[in-house]
Each structure stands twice: as structure tokens, then as C-alpha cells.
Amino acid sequence: MEEKFIVLDETYLPQMAELYKVAFGCEPWNDDWSDENQLKEYIKEISCSFNSLNYGLLINGRLSAVSIGMIRHWWEGTNYNIEEFCVFPDLQGQNIGSRFMGMIEEDVKSRGLSGIFLQTDSDKPAYRFYIKNGFNELSSHVSFYKRVKK
């Protein structure tokens, strides 16, 4: 199995969208990304913003894992904020995500960044994945959402 860690540019947008749709369209997420335009716009928004930094892992030439995020400046330091992180479902459970995260950490360190920030659901397997990979839960951090569309 040949692995190649890369920084993704806009030419990878279609592959990023497809991987994201497959990864989050199945258990436990079951996200409905059947609206292709909505998916395309979402991936473009989060991957092509100011200071975006997107990583990919090619396995045997196929984009098999992605981390979509940005460099964000904060009073405590400059971080890599991950918006989305996923591995193709058929490759999950093989330590690929952990290896990929390790590669990301090394690149983030080489850029002189202070840390990595992300959010996930506490009731999903991703929560345990991040704990296993050395992330600490921010007990005082809370996310809010208010639905305004009926």
C-alpha cells in the first residue's frame, strides 16, 4: 500500500466532495448530501477560505483521507482549525486516520503553529478517535445553534 501525504489545492475539490459525501453519508452520521450543488458549495466554502489549509492522504493514488481547515490566529497562539476530517469508510479501523493525523501534526509543527482545534459530536466514534490521538476535551467550550428556518 503506497501512501502519500499532500497539501490539497482547488484541483482536488471534486474528490474532496466525493470522499466527504461517502464518509458522512453512512453510519453513524447518515448525512443526506444528495443535493450535489449544496455539497459542492459547502466543500468550496470550507476549503477555499482565507488562510485555508487542507491535507490529503493518497493511498495507491486515490484520495482516501482529508482534513479541511484553516490557520486561525488567536490570543493564545496560531492554530490549525479542522472543519472536517474523514477517511473513506472502507479504510476506517486500519489505523490510517491516526497515521494521517500524525502527519498533519508534524506539518503543523513545522509551520510553527501552536496547536490543532476541532469540534465533534461526543456520541460518535470520532470522539473516541480524537481522545485516542491525544486531543483534550475543552470542558468549558460550548457550541450553540438556533434554527430560524421553519
C-alpha atoms as a PDB file:
ATOM      1  CA  MET A   1       0.000   0.000   0.000  1.00  0.00           C
ATOM      2  CA  GLU A   2       1.556   3.275  -1.157  1.00  0.00           C
ATOM      3  CA  GLU A   3       0.710   6.335   0.971  1.00  0.00           C
ATOM      4  CA  LYS A   4       1.430   9.938   0.050  1.00  0.00           C
ATOM      5  CA  PHE A   5       0.706  12.912   2.324  1.00  0.00           C
ATOM      6  CA  ILE A   6      -0.134  16.088   0.386  1.00  0.00           C
ATOM      7  CA  VAL A   7      -1.442  19.609   0.824  1.00  0.00           C
ATOM      8  CA  LEU A   8      -4.618  19.859  -1.242  1.00  0.00           C
ATOM      9  CA  ASP A   9      -5.406  22.667  -3.657  1.00  0.00           C
ATOM     10  CA  GLU A  10      -8.581  23.549  -5.566  1.00  0.00           C
ATOM     11  CA  THR A  11      -7.986  20.858  -8.196  1.00  0.00           C
ATOM     12  CA  TYR A  12      -8.965  18.298  -5.539  1.00  0.00           C
ATOM     13  CA  LEU A  13     -12.391  19.843  -4.788  1.00  0.00           C
ATOM     14  CA  PRO A  14     -14.435  17.177  -6.643  1.00  0.00           C
ATOM     15  CA  GLN A  15     -12.533  14.331  -4.949  1.00  0.00           C
ATOM     16  CA  MET A  16     -12.820  16.036  -1.559  1.00  0.00           C
ATOM     17  CA  ALA A  17     -16.590  16.393  -2.024  1.00  0.00           C
ATOM     18  CA  GLU A  18     -16.987  12.749  -3.060  1.00  0.00           C
ATOM     19  CA  LEU A  19     -14.955  11.457  -0.124  1.00  0.00           C
ATOM     20  CA  TYR A  20     -16.869  13.691   2.279  1.00  0.00           C
ATOM     21  CA  LYS A  21     -20.247  12.561   0.875  1.00  0.00           C
ATOM     22  CA  VAL A  22     -19.349   8.878   1.196  1.00  0.00           C
ATOM     23  CA  ALA A  23     -17.788   9.189   4.665  1.00  0.00           C
ATOM     24  CA  PHE A  24     -20.619  11.183   6.216  1.00  0.00           C
ATOM     25  CA  GLY A  25     -23.435   9.551   4.254  1.00  0.00           C
ATOM     26  CA  CYS A  26     -23.152   6.289   6.184  1.00  0.00           C
ATOM     27  CA  GLU A  27     -23.377   5.260   9.848  1.00  0.00           C
ATOM     28  CA  PRO A  28     -23.197   6.831  12.308  1.00  0.00           C
ATOM     29  CA  TRP A  29     -23.671  10.235  10.625  1.00  0.00           C
ATOM     30  CA  ASN A  30     -26.209   9.459   7.880  1.00  0.00           C
ATOM     31  CA  ASP A  31     -25.934  12.961   6.389  1.00  0.00           C
ATOM     32  CA  ASP A  32     -28.013  13.443   3.237  1.00  0.00           C
ATOM     33  CA  TRP A  33     -25.760  15.168   0.711  1.00  0.00           C
ATOM     34  CA  SER A  34     -27.941  14.273  -2.301  1.00  0.00           C
ATOM     35  CA  ASP A  35     -28.029  17.958  -3.312  1.00  0.00           C
ATOM     36  CA  GLU A  36     -24.780  17.979  -5.291  1.00  0.00           C
ATOM     37  CA  ASN A  37     -24.708  21.775  -5.579  1.00  0.00           C
ATOM     38  CA  GLN A  38     -25.110  22.187  -1.809  1.00  0.00           C
ATOM     39  CA  LEU A  39     -22.253  19.736  -1.253  1.00  0.00           C
ATOM     40  CA  LYS A  40     -20.022  21.459  -3.821  1.00  0.00           C
ATOM     41  CA  GLU A  41     -20.646  24.882  -2.275  1.00  0.00           C
ATOM     42  CA  TYR A  42     -20.041  23.588   1.268  1.00  0.00           C
ATOM     43  CA  ILE A  43     -16.711  22.000   0.381  1.00  0.00           C
ATOM     44  CA  LYS A  44     -15.679  25.108  -1.542  1.00  0.00           C
ATOM     45  CA  GLU A  45     -16.625  27.382   1.396  1.00  0.00           C
ATOM     46  CA  ILE A  46     -14.630  25.495   4.000  1.00  0.00           C
ATOM     47  CA  SER A  47     -11.650  24.609   1.825  1.00  0.00           C
ATOM     48  CA  CYS A  48     -11.091  27.821  -0.125  1.00  0.00           C
ATOM     49  CA  SER A  49     -11.403  30.435   2.600  1.00  0.00           C
ATOM     50  CA  PHE A  50      -8.755  32.905   3.721  1.00  0.00           C
ATOM     51  CA  ASN A  51      -5.850  31.013   5.317  1.00  0.00           C
ATOM     52  CA  SER A  52      -7.296  27.625   4.339  1.00  0.00           C
ATOM     53  CA  LEU A  53      -5.039  24.616   4.817  1.00  0.00           C
ATOM     54  CA  ASN A  54      -6.244  21.282   3.521  1.00  0.00           C
ATOM     55  CA  TYR A  55      -4.437  17.976   3.774  1.00  0.00           C
ATOM     56  CA  GLY A  56      -4.940  14.746   1.917  1.00  0.00           C
ATOM     57  CA  LEU A  57      -3.693  11.201   2.089  1.00  0.00           C
ATOM     58  CA  LEU A  58      -3.385   9.399  -1.209  1.00  0.00           C
ATOM     59  CA  ILE A  59      -3.406   5.623  -0.937  1.00  0.00           C
ATOM     60  CA  ASN A  60      -2.474   3.870  -4.152  1.00  0.00           C
ATOM     61  CA  GLY A  61      -3.258   7.128  -5.975  1.00  0.00           C
ATOM     62  CA  ARG A  62      -6.774   7.548  -4.515  1.00  0.00           C
ATOM     63  CA  LEU A  63      -7.643  10.438  -2.194  1.00  0.00           C
ATOM     64  CA  SER A  64      -8.506   8.337   0.855  1.00  0.00           C
ATOM     65  CA  ALA A  65      -8.454  10.804   3.764  1.00  0.00           C
ATOM     66  CA  VAL A  66      -8.906  14.561   4.043  1.00  0.00           C
ATOM     67  CA  SER A  67      -8.556  17.246   6.646  1.00  0.00           C
ATOM     68  CA  ILE A  68     -10.202  20.503   5.631  1.00  0.00           C
ATOM     69  CA  GLY A  69      -9.340  23.509   7.726  1.00  0.00           C
ATOM     70  CA  MET A  70      -7.626  26.832   8.160  1.00  0.00           C
ATOM     71  CA  ILE A  71      -4.911  28.607  10.021  1.00  0.00           C
ATOM     72  CA  ARG A  72      -6.530  30.788  12.657  1.00  0.00           C
ATOM     73  CA  HIS A  73      -4.855  33.401  14.845  1.00  0.00           C
ATOM     74  CA  TRP A  74      -5.893  33.589  18.473  1.00  0.00           C
ATOM     75  CA  TRP A  75      -4.551  35.370  21.530  1.00  0.00           C
ATOM     76  CA  GLU A  76      -3.033  32.106  22.818  1.00  0.00           C
ATOM     77  CA  GLY A  77      -1.293  31.391  19.533  1.00  0.00           C
ATOM     78  CA  THR A  78      -1.903  30.397  15.942  1.00  0.00           C
ATOM     79  CA  ASN A  79      -3.704  27.104  15.386  1.00  0.00           C
ATOM     80  CA  TYR A  80      -4.784  24.765  12.647  1.00  0.00           C
ATOM     81  CA  ASN A  81      -8.581  24.607  12.953  1.00  0.00           C
ATOM     82  CA  ILE A  82     -10.040  21.469  11.415  1.00  0.00           C
ATOM     83  CA  GLU A  83     -13.506  21.955   9.942  1.00  0.00           C
ATOM     84  CA  GLU A  84     -13.861  18.425   8.571  1.00  0.00           C
ATOM     85  CA  PHE A  85     -11.763  15.279   8.878  1.00  0.00           C
ATOM     86  CA  CYS A  86     -12.646  11.966   7.292  1.00  0.00           C
ATOM     87  CA  VAL A  87     -11.315   8.679   5.972  1.00  0.00           C
ATOM     88  CA  PHE A  88     -13.046   6.507   3.376  1.00  0.00           C
ATOM     89  CA  PRO A  89     -15.311   4.096   5.306  1.00  0.00           C
ATOM     90  CA  ASP A  90     -13.700   1.000   3.763  1.00  0.00           C
ATOM     91  CA  LEU A  91     -10.351   2.104   5.243  1.00  0.00           C
ATOM     92  CA  GLN A  92     -11.532   3.010   8.734  1.00  0.00           C
ATOM     93  CA  GLY A  93     -10.342   0.881  11.625  1.00  0.00           C
ATOM     94  CA  GLN A  94      -6.945   0.241   9.999  1.00  0.00           C
ATOM     95  CA  ASN A  95      -5.009   2.993  11.832  1.00  0.00           C
ATOM     96  CA  ILE A  96      -4.993   5.139   8.676  1.00  0.00           C
ATOM     97  CA  GLY A  97      -6.752   8.048  10.390  1.00  0.00           C
ATOM     98  CA  SER A  98      -4.250   8.028  13.250  1.00  0.00           C
ATOM     99  CA  ARG A  99      -1.276   7.899  10.857  1.00  0.00           C
ATOM    100  CA  PHE A 100      -2.821  10.726   8.819  1.00  0.00           C
ATOM    101  CA  MET A 101      -3.390  12.814  11.962  1.00  0.00           C
ATOM    102  CA  GLY A 102       0.246  12.233  12.933  1.00  0.00           C
ATOM    103  CA  MET A 103       1.364  13.530   9.538  1.00  0.00           C
ATOM    104  CA  ILE A 104      -0.834  16.587   9.979  1.00  0.00           C
ATOM    105  CA  GLU A 105       0.635  17.223  13.434  1.00  0.00           C
ATOM    106  CA  GLU A 106       4.171  17.090  12.039  1.00  0.00           C
ATOM    107  CA  ASP A 107       3.320  19.556   9.264  1.00  0.00           C
ATOM    108  CA  VAL A 108       1.536  21.875  11.721  1.00  0.00           C
ATOM    109  CA  LYS A 109       4.627  21.822  13.969  1.00  0.00           C
ATOM    110  CA  SER A 110       6.904  22.558  11.003  1.00  0.00           C
ATOM    111  CA  ARG A 111       4.782  25.638  10.246  1.00  0.00           C
ATOM    112  CA  GLY A 112       5.341  26.899  13.797  1.00  0.00           C
ATOM    113  CA  LEU A 113       1.677  26.626  14.775  1.00  0.00           C
ATOM    114  CA  SER A 114       0.654  26.233  18.427  1.00  0.00           C
ATOM    115  CA  GLY A 115      -1.971  23.508  18.165  1.00  0.00           C
ATOM    116  CA  ILE A 116      -4.930  21.895  16.455  1.00  0.00           C
ATOM    117  CA  PHE A 117      -8.540  22.770  17.264  1.00  0.00           C
ATOM    118  CA  LEU A 118     -11.639  20.868  16.150  1.00  0.00           C
ATOM    119  CA  GLN A 119     -15.183  20.045  17.172  1.00  0.00           C
ATOM    120  CA  THR A 120     -17.055  16.758  17.003  1.00  0.00           C
ATOM    121  CA  ASP A 121     -20.113  15.071  18.495  1.00  0.00           C
ATOM    122  CA  SER A 122     -19.500  13.339  21.819  1.00  0.00           C
ATOM    123  CA  ASP A 123     -21.847  10.482  20.902  1.00  0.00           C
ATOM    124  CA  LYS A 124     -19.996   9.449  17.737  1.00  0.00           C
ATOM    125  CA  PRO A 125     -16.937   7.184  17.261  1.00  0.00           C
ATOM    126  CA  ALA A 126     -14.954  10.245  16.150  1.00  0.00           C
ATOM    127  CA  TYR A 127     -14.985  11.430  19.766  1.00  0.00           C
ATOM    128  CA  ARG A 128     -13.059   8.333  20.887  1.00  0.00           C
ATOM    129  CA  PHE A 129     -10.742   8.650  17.875  1.00  0.00           C
ATOM    130  CA  TYR A 130      -9.664  12.158  18.905  1.00  0.00           C
ATOM    131  CA  ILE A 131      -9.198  11.168  22.560  1.00  0.00           C
ATOM    132  CA  LYS A 132      -7.075   8.194  21.413  1.00  0.00           C
ATOM    133  CA  ASN A 133      -4.966  10.570  19.326  1.00  0.00           C
ATOM    134  CA  GLY A 134      -4.115  12.860  22.236  1.00  0.00           C
ATOM    135  CA  PHE A 135      -6.772  15.556  21.945  1.00  0.00           C
ATOM    136  CA  ASN A 136      -8.192  17.026  25.148  1.00  0.00           C
ATOM    137  CA  GLU A 137     -11.833  17.893  25.606  1.00  0.00           C
ATOM    138  CA  LEU A 138     -12.390  21.560  26.416  1.00  0.00           C
ATOM    139  CA  SER A 139     -14.846  21.279  29.293  1.00  0.00           C
ATOM    140  CA  SER A 140     -15.709  24.989  29.267  1.00  0.00           C
ATOM    141  CA  HIS A 141     -16.229  25.207  25.479  1.00  0.00           C
ATOM    142  CA  VAL A 142     -19.838  25.027  24.340  1.00  0.00           C
ATOM    143  CA  SER A 143     -21.304  25.141  20.844  1.00  0.00           C
ATOM    144  CA  PHE A 144     -24.686  26.753  20.244  1.00  0.00           C
ATOM    145  CA  TYR A 145     -27.180  26.541  17.394  1.00  0.00           C
ATOM    146  CA  LYS A 146     -30.536  28.199  16.824  1.00  0.00           C
ATOM    147  CA  ARG A 147     -32.824  27.095  13.982  1.00  0.00           C
ATOM    148  CA  VAL A 148     -34.521  30.063  12.319  1.00  0.00           C
ATOM    149  CA  LYS A 149     -35.997  28.394   9.233  1.00  0.00           C
ATOM    150  CA  LYS A 150     -39.302  26.592   9.674  1.00  0.00           C
END
